[in-house]
């Protein structure tokens, strides 16, 4: 019975070591993901778009799609620019 007890003890020790290694790997993965999230949060935000620029881009898109005629586009552009 001594040999079986020794085998059982060795198996339990091996299982404990495997569990500890798996936990260490998971902790390393978590730390890496947290570092990536922190880096992403620290990344500079895209520059704010000026409202006039956004309006002009929208008008240009509408004109290119044929929603606005040349005259409507010119008038809306002049109004947006305060001309």
C-alpha atoms as a PDB file:
ATOM      1  CA  UNK A   1       0.000   0.000   0.000  1.00  0.00           C
ATOM      2  CA  UNK A   2       2.954   2.294   0.474  1.00  0.00           C
ATOM      3  CA  UNK A   3       3.709   2.419  -3.266  1.00  0.00           C
ATOM      4  CA  UNK A   4       0.109   3.356  -4.118  1.00  0.00           C
ATOM      5  CA  UNK A   5       0.151   6.073  -1.500  1.00  0.00           C
ATOM      6  CA  UNK A   6       3.404   7.446  -2.903  1.00  0.00           C
ATOM      7  CA  UNK A   7       1.981   7.413  -6.454  1.00  0.00           C
ATOM      8  CA  UNK A   8      -1.148   9.171  -5.270  1.00  0.00           C
ATOM      9  CA  UNK A   9       0.938  11.816  -3.507  1.00  0.00           C
ATOM     10  CA  UNK A  10       3.099  12.324  -6.589  1.00  0.00           C
ATOM     11  CA  UNK A  11       0.000  12.647  -8.786  1.00  0.00           C
ATOM     12  CA  UNK A  12      -1.528  15.216  -6.440  1.00  0.00           C
ATOM     13  CA  UNK A  13       1.718  17.193  -6.425  1.00  0.00           C
ATOM     14  CA  UNK A  14       1.851  17.110 -10.222  1.00  0.00           C
ATOM     15  CA  UNK A  15      -1.773  18.290 -10.409  1.00  0.00           C
ATOM     16  CA  UNK A  16      -1.035  21.119  -7.981  1.00  0.00           C
ATOM     17  CA  UNK A  17       1.999  22.202 -10.012  1.00  0.00           C
ATOM     18  CA  UNK A  18      -0.010  22.121 -13.242  1.00  0.00           C
ATOM     19  CA  UNK A  19      -2.772  24.201 -11.641  1.00  0.00           C
ATOM     20  CA  UNK A  20      -0.239  26.707 -10.321  1.00  0.00           C
ATOM     21  CA  UNK A  21       1.397  27.026 -13.738  1.00  0.00           C
ATOM     22  CA  UNK A  22      -1.975  27.498 -15.423  1.00  0.00           C
ATOM     23  CA  UNK A  23      -2.884  30.184 -12.895  1.00  0.00           C
ATOM     24  CA  UNK A  24       0.444  31.942 -13.496  1.00  0.00           C
ATOM     25  CA  UNK A  25      -0.137  31.881 -17.268  1.00  0.00           C
ATOM     26  CA  UNK A  26      -3.633  33.301 -16.827  1.00  0.00           C
ATOM     27  CA  UNK A  27      -2.299  36.045 -14.556  1.00  0.00           C
ATOM     28  CA  UNK A  28       0.306  36.927 -17.189  1.00  0.00           C
ATOM     29  CA  UNK A  29      -2.379  37.075 -19.893  1.00  0.00           C
ATOM     30  CA  UNK A  30      -4.561  39.291 -17.713  1.00  0.00           C
ATOM     31  CA  UNK A  31      -1.633  41.625 -17.036  1.00  0.00           C
ATOM     32  CA  UNK A  32      -0.887  41.833 -20.760  1.00  0.00           C
ATOM     33  CA  UNK A  33      -4.513  42.645 -21.598  1.00  0.00           C
ATOM     34  CA  UNK A  34      -4.622  45.299 -18.888  1.00  0.00           C
ATOM     35  CA  UNK A  35      -1.458  46.861 -20.291  1.00  0.00           C
ATOM     36  CA  UNK A  36      -2.976  46.891 -23.778  1.00  0.00           C
ATOM     37  CA  UNK A  37      -6.148  48.528 -22.457  1.00  0.00           C
ATOM     38  CA  UNK A  38      -4.129  51.146 -20.603  1.00  0.00           C
ATOM     39  CA  UNK A  39      -2.120  51.881 -23.744  1.00  0.00           C
ATOM     40  CA  UNK A  40      -5.299  52.198 -25.791  1.00  0.00           C
ATOM     41  CA  UNK A  41      -6.829  54.540 -23.214  1.00  0.00           C
ATOM     42  CA  UNK A  42      -3.690  56.669 -23.226  1.00  0.00           C
ATOM     43  CA  UNK A  43      -3.647  56.938 -27.023  1.00  0.00           C
ATOM     44  CA  UNK A  44      -4.400  60.455 -28.209  1.00  0.00           C
ATOM     45  CA  UNK A  45      -7.958  61.047 -29.308  1.00  0.00           C
ATOM     46  CA  UNK A  46      -8.692  62.012 -32.872  1.00  0.00           C
ATOM     47  CA  UNK A  47      -8.660  65.764 -33.315  1.00  0.00           C
ATOM     48  CA  UNK A  48     -12.037  67.378 -32.964  1.00  0.00           C
ATOM     49  CA  UNK A  49     -13.664  68.285 -36.260  1.00  0.00           C
ATOM     50  CA  UNK A  50     -14.595  71.902 -36.644  1.00  0.00           C
ATOM     51  CA  UNK A  51     -18.393  72.204 -37.016  1.00  0.00           C
ATOM     52  CA  UNK A  52     -18.003  74.318 -40.164  1.00  0.00           C
ATOM     53  CA  UNK A  53     -15.701  71.728 -41.699  1.00  0.00           C
ATOM     54  CA  UNK A  54     -18.173  68.958 -40.883  1.00  0.00           C
ATOM     55  CA  UNK A  55     -21.012  70.985 -42.404  1.00  0.00           C
ATOM     56  CA  UNK A  56     -19.024  71.619 -45.587  1.00  0.00           C
ATOM     57  CA  UNK A  57     -18.072  67.955 -45.857  1.00  0.00           C
ATOM     58  CA  UNK A  58     -21.719  66.980 -45.430  1.00  0.00           C
ATOM     59  CA  UNK A  59     -22.805  69.442 -48.095  1.00  0.00           C
ATOM     60  CA  UNK A  60     -20.098  68.198 -50.477  1.00  0.00           C
ATOM     61  CA  UNK A  61     -21.249  64.609 -49.940  1.00  0.00           C
ATOM     62  CA  UNK A  62     -24.866  65.548 -50.604  1.00  0.00           C
ATOM     63  CA  UNK A  63     -23.815  67.391 -53.760  1.00  0.00           C
ATOM     64  CA  UNK A  64     -21.702  64.452 -54.949  1.00  0.00           C
ATOM     65  CA  UNK A  65     -24.642  62.100 -54.382  1.00  0.00           C
ATOM     66  CA  UNK A  66     -26.883  64.326 -56.461  1.00  0.00           C
ATOM     67  CA  UNK A  67     -29.107  65.297 -53.541  1.00  0.00           C
ATOM     68  CA  UNK A  68     -28.172  68.972 -53.954  1.00  0.00           C
ATOM     69  CA  UNK A  69     -28.046  70.744 -57.288  1.00  0.00           C
ATOM     70  CA  UNK A  70     -25.083  72.976 -58.129  1.00  0.00           C
ATOM     71  CA  UNK A  71     -27.126  76.032 -57.181  1.00  0.00           C
ATOM     72  CA  UNK A  72     -28.350  74.534 -53.892  1.00  0.00           C
ATOM     73  CA  UNK A  73     -24.830  73.443 -53.014  1.00  0.00           C
ATOM     74  CA  UNK A  74     -23.368  76.892 -53.764  1.00  0.00           C
ATOM     75  CA  UNK A  75     -26.055  78.590 -51.685  1.00  0.00           C
ATOM     76  CA  UNK A  76     -25.709  76.203 -48.745  1.00  0.00           C
ATOM     77  CA  UNK A  77     -21.905  76.470 -48.867  1.00  0.00           C
ATOM     78  CA  UNK A  78     -22.062  80.266 -48.867  1.00  0.00           C
ATOM     79  CA  UNK A  79     -24.467  80.191 -45.931  1.00  0.00           C
ATOM     80  CA  UNK A  80     -22.254  77.769 -43.986  1.00  0.00           C
ATOM     81  CA  UNK A  81     -19.235  79.987 -44.599  1.00  0.00           C
ATOM     82  CA  UNK A  82     -21.164  83.116 -43.628  1.00  0.00           C
ATOM     83  CA  UNK A  83     -20.691  84.691 -47.052  1.00  0.00           C
END
